Amino acid sequence: MADIQTAPDEACPVSVQLRRLGSDDLAAIESHLLELDAVSRNSRFQCGFGDAAVAGYVRSLDDTVDVLFGAIESRNGRMVGLAEARPAEAPGTVELAVSVLPTHRRHGLGHELLRRAASAAFARGMTVAHLLVAPDNVAAARTAATLGARFRAPGRAVLLA
């Protein structure tokens, strides 16, 4: 998949590049996740994840099995968004996750990052993608729905290949 550039606008005054991430990006992934405020981090991990837990999580990422996409600021290389598709216990199933820094939300980054991660996972032969969404996170639920996800229970979205 080709990288894309987004032009700056008034609400998001920097351009970002969306691209596939690899093992060379782990430090940037960790920095991004550590930069999330407490509410965003809790939403992303579905629990209170401290800095040490974030570091351990990032060390567990493996770009040979995990699908990782990032939104990188063009001017300074800072990661402002991240989507992951990680194999789940059930065969053919991945767990999706996304995070976007508050300063870069409402520009479609989360939607596009999730779309790319799910598409790449499906291209690898996965057939089901699960996404946990906080029931009060209307934006995340809307993003899941626009990707074609069905809600099996409050906060549990399922996307089929």
Protein backbone atom coordinates (compact mmCIF):
# COMPACT_ATOMS: atom_id res chain seq x y z
CA MET A 1 0.00 0.00 0.00
CA ALA A 2 1.29 3.42 -0.91
CA ASP A 3 1.91 6.13 1.62
CA ILE A 4 -0.45 9.07 1.51
CA GLN A 5 -0.02 12.64 2.56
CA THR A 6 -2.77 14.68 4.13
CA ALA A 7 -2.69 18.41 3.63
CA PRO A 8 -2.80 20.69 6.65
CA ASP A 9 -6.06 22.42 7.49
CA GLU A 10 -7.10 24.96 10.11
CA ALA A 11 -7.98 22.41 12.79
CA CYS A 12 -5.00 20.12 12.09
CA PRO A 13 -2.24 22.47 10.95
CA VAL A 14 0.34 19.81 10.00
CA SER A 15 0.48 17.19 7.29
CA VAL A 16 0.83 13.53 8.17
CA GLN A 17 1.99 10.47 6.31
CA LEU A 18 0.11 7.20 6.78
CA ARG A 19 2.36 4.17 6.42
CA ARG A 20 2.97 0.57 7.43
CA LEU A 21 5.20 0.26 10.49
CA GLY A 22 7.92 -2.24 11.28
CA SER A 23 10.40 -3.12 13.99
CA ASP A 24 12.38 0.07 13.33
CA ASP A 25 9.33 2.04 14.50
CA LEU A 26 8.95 0.47 17.96
CA ALA A 27 10.48 3.45 19.79
CA ALA A 28 8.07 5.81 18.00
CA ILE A 29 5.14 3.49 18.83
CA GLU A 30 6.12 3.51 22.50
CA SER A 31 6.47 7.31 22.50
CA HIS A 32 3.04 7.64 20.91
CA LEU A 33 1.36 5.36 23.44
CA LEU A 34 3.11 7.09 26.34
CA GLU A 35 1.95 10.47 25.03
CA LEU A 36 -1.72 9.46 25.33
CA ASP A 37 -3.51 11.07 28.25
CA ALA A 38 -4.86 8.74 30.97
CA VAL A 39 -8.39 8.58 29.55
CA SER A 40 -7.15 7.84 26.01
CA ARG A 41 -4.69 5.25 27.26
CA ASN A 42 -7.38 3.53 29.32
CA SER A 43 -9.67 3.53 26.30
CA ARG A 44 -6.94 2.13 24.06
CA PHE A 45 -5.93 -0.71 26.41
CA GLN A 46 -9.34 -1.22 28.08
CA CYS A 47 -7.65 -0.81 31.49
CA GLY A 48 -5.17 1.35 33.37
CA PHE A 49 -1.81 0.75 31.68
CA GLY A 50 1.16 2.40 33.35
CA ASP A 51 4.35 3.37 31.56
CA ALA A 52 6.08 0.06 32.35
CA ALA A 53 3.10 -1.91 30.99
CA VAL A 54 3.15 0.18 27.80
CA ALA A 55 6.88 -0.53 27.36
CA GLY A 56 6.27 -4.25 27.87
CA TYR A 57 3.39 -4.21 25.42
CA VAL A 58 5.50 -2.53 22.75
CA ARG A 59 8.27 -5.11 23.27
CA SER A 60 5.66 -7.82 22.53
CA LEU A 61 4.84 -6.38 19.09
CA ASP A 62 6.11 -8.45 16.18
CA ASP A 63 5.74 -6.98 12.72
CA THR A 64 5.95 -10.45 11.18
CA VAL A 65 2.53 -11.29 12.67
CA ASP A 66 1.10 -7.98 13.86
CA VAL A 67 -0.18 -5.46 11.32
CA LEU A 68 0.86 -1.94 12.33
CA PHE A 69 0.03 1.36 10.64
CA GLY A 70 1.00 4.81 11.83
CA ALA A 71 0.22 8.44 11.12
CA ILE A 72 3.50 10.34 11.17
CA GLU A 73 3.85 14.12 11.17
CA SER A 74 5.79 15.05 8.06
CA ARG A 75 7.70 17.92 9.64
CA ASN A 76 9.17 16.12 12.66
CA GLY A 77 8.50 12.37 12.41
CA ARG A 78 6.25 12.32 15.50
CA MET A 79 3.70 9.50 15.52
CA VAL A 80 0.25 10.97 16.09
CA GLY A 81 -1.86 7.90 15.31
CA LEU A 82 -1.50 4.13 15.47
CA ALA A 83 -3.63 1.17 14.40
CA GLU A 84 -2.88 -2.46 15.12
CA ALA A 85 -4.31 -5.79 14.03
CA ARG A 86 -2.95 -8.51 16.32
CA PRO A 87 -3.78 -12.20 16.04
CA ALA A 88 -6.37 -13.33 18.59
CA GLU A 89 -6.75 -16.78 20.14
CA ALA A 90 -9.45 -17.83 17.68
CA PRO A 91 -8.08 -18.96 14.30
CA GLY A 92 -8.44 -16.41 11.52
CA THR A 93 -9.24 -13.63 13.98
CA VAL A 94 -7.45 -10.40 14.85
CA GLU A 95 -7.99 -7.80 17.53
CA LEU A 96 -8.02 -4.24 16.21
CA ALA A 97 -6.92 -1.22 18.20
CA VAL A 98 -6.42 2.42 17.33
CA SER A 99 -5.22 5.57 19.05
CA VAL A 100 -4.93 9.13 17.79
CA LEU A 101 -3.57 12.04 19.79
CA PRO A 102 -6.30 14.53 20.75
CA THR A 103 -4.73 17.29 18.63
CA HIS A 104 -5.17 15.17 15.49
CA ARG A 105 -8.65 13.73 16.02
CA ARG A 106 -11.67 14.41 13.82
CA HIS A 107 -9.72 14.32 10.57
CA GLY A 108 -10.34 10.71 9.61
CA LEU A 109 -6.96 9.40 10.77
CA GLY A 110 -8.41 6.74 13.08
CA HIS A 111 -10.81 5.57 10.39
CA GLU A 112 -8.12 5.34 7.71
CA LEU A 113 -5.60 3.67 10.03
CA LEU A 114 -8.16 1.06 11.10
CA ARG A 115 -9.25 0.50 7.52
CA ARG A 116 -5.67 -0.14 6.44
CA ALA A 117 -4.90 -2.44 9.37
CA ALA A 118 -8.05 -4.52 8.82
CA SER A 119 -7.49 -4.70 5.05
CA ALA A 120 -3.90 -5.85 5.50
CA ALA A 121 -4.96 -8.47 8.07
CA PHE A 122 -7.68 -9.76 5.73
CA ALA A 123 -5.15 -9.87 2.89
CA ARG A 124 -3.04 -12.15 5.12
CA GLY A 125 -5.95 -14.58 5.40
CA MET A 126 -7.69 -13.36 8.54
CA THR A 127 -11.48 -13.48 8.28
CA VAL A 128 -12.72 -11.76 11.45
CA ALA A 129 -11.60 -8.58 13.21
CA HIS A 130 -12.77 -7.61 16.70
CA LEU A 131 -12.70 -4.07 18.02
CA LEU A 132 -13.52 -3.15 21.60
CA VAL A 133 -15.06 0.31 21.87
CA ALA A 134 -15.94 2.08 25.09
CA PRO A 135 -19.76 2.30 24.98
CA ASP A 136 -19.62 6.07 25.51
CA ASN A 137 -17.05 6.63 22.73
CA VAL A 138 -19.43 7.74 20.00
CA ALA A 139 -16.66 8.66 17.54
CA ALA A 140 -15.04 5.21 17.78
CA ALA A 141 -18.40 3.46 17.44
CA ARG A 142 -19.19 5.58 14.37
CA THR A 143 -15.79 4.74 12.86
CA ALA A 144 -16.38 1.02 13.40
CA ALA A 145 -19.83 1.26 11.85
CA THR A 146 -18.56 3.11 8.76
CA LEU A 147 -16.02 0.33 8.26
CA GLY A 148 -18.91 -2.14 8.14
CA ALA A 149 -18.58 -3.53 11.65
CA ARG A 150 -21.58 -5.02 13.40
CA PHE A 151 -22.03 -4.61 17.13
CA ARG A 152 -22.60 -7.98 18.80
CA ALA A 153 -22.89 -6.38 22.24
CA PRO A 154 -22.38 -2.84 23.54
CA GLY A 155 -18.77 -1.94 22.88
CA ARG A 156 -17.97 -5.13 20.88
CA ALA A 157 -17.70 -4.59 17.16
CA VAL A 158 -17.04 -7.36 14.64
CA LEU A 159 -15.76 -6.78 11.13
CA LEU A 160 -15.85 -9.63 8.62
CA ALA A 161 -13.57 -10.00 5.61
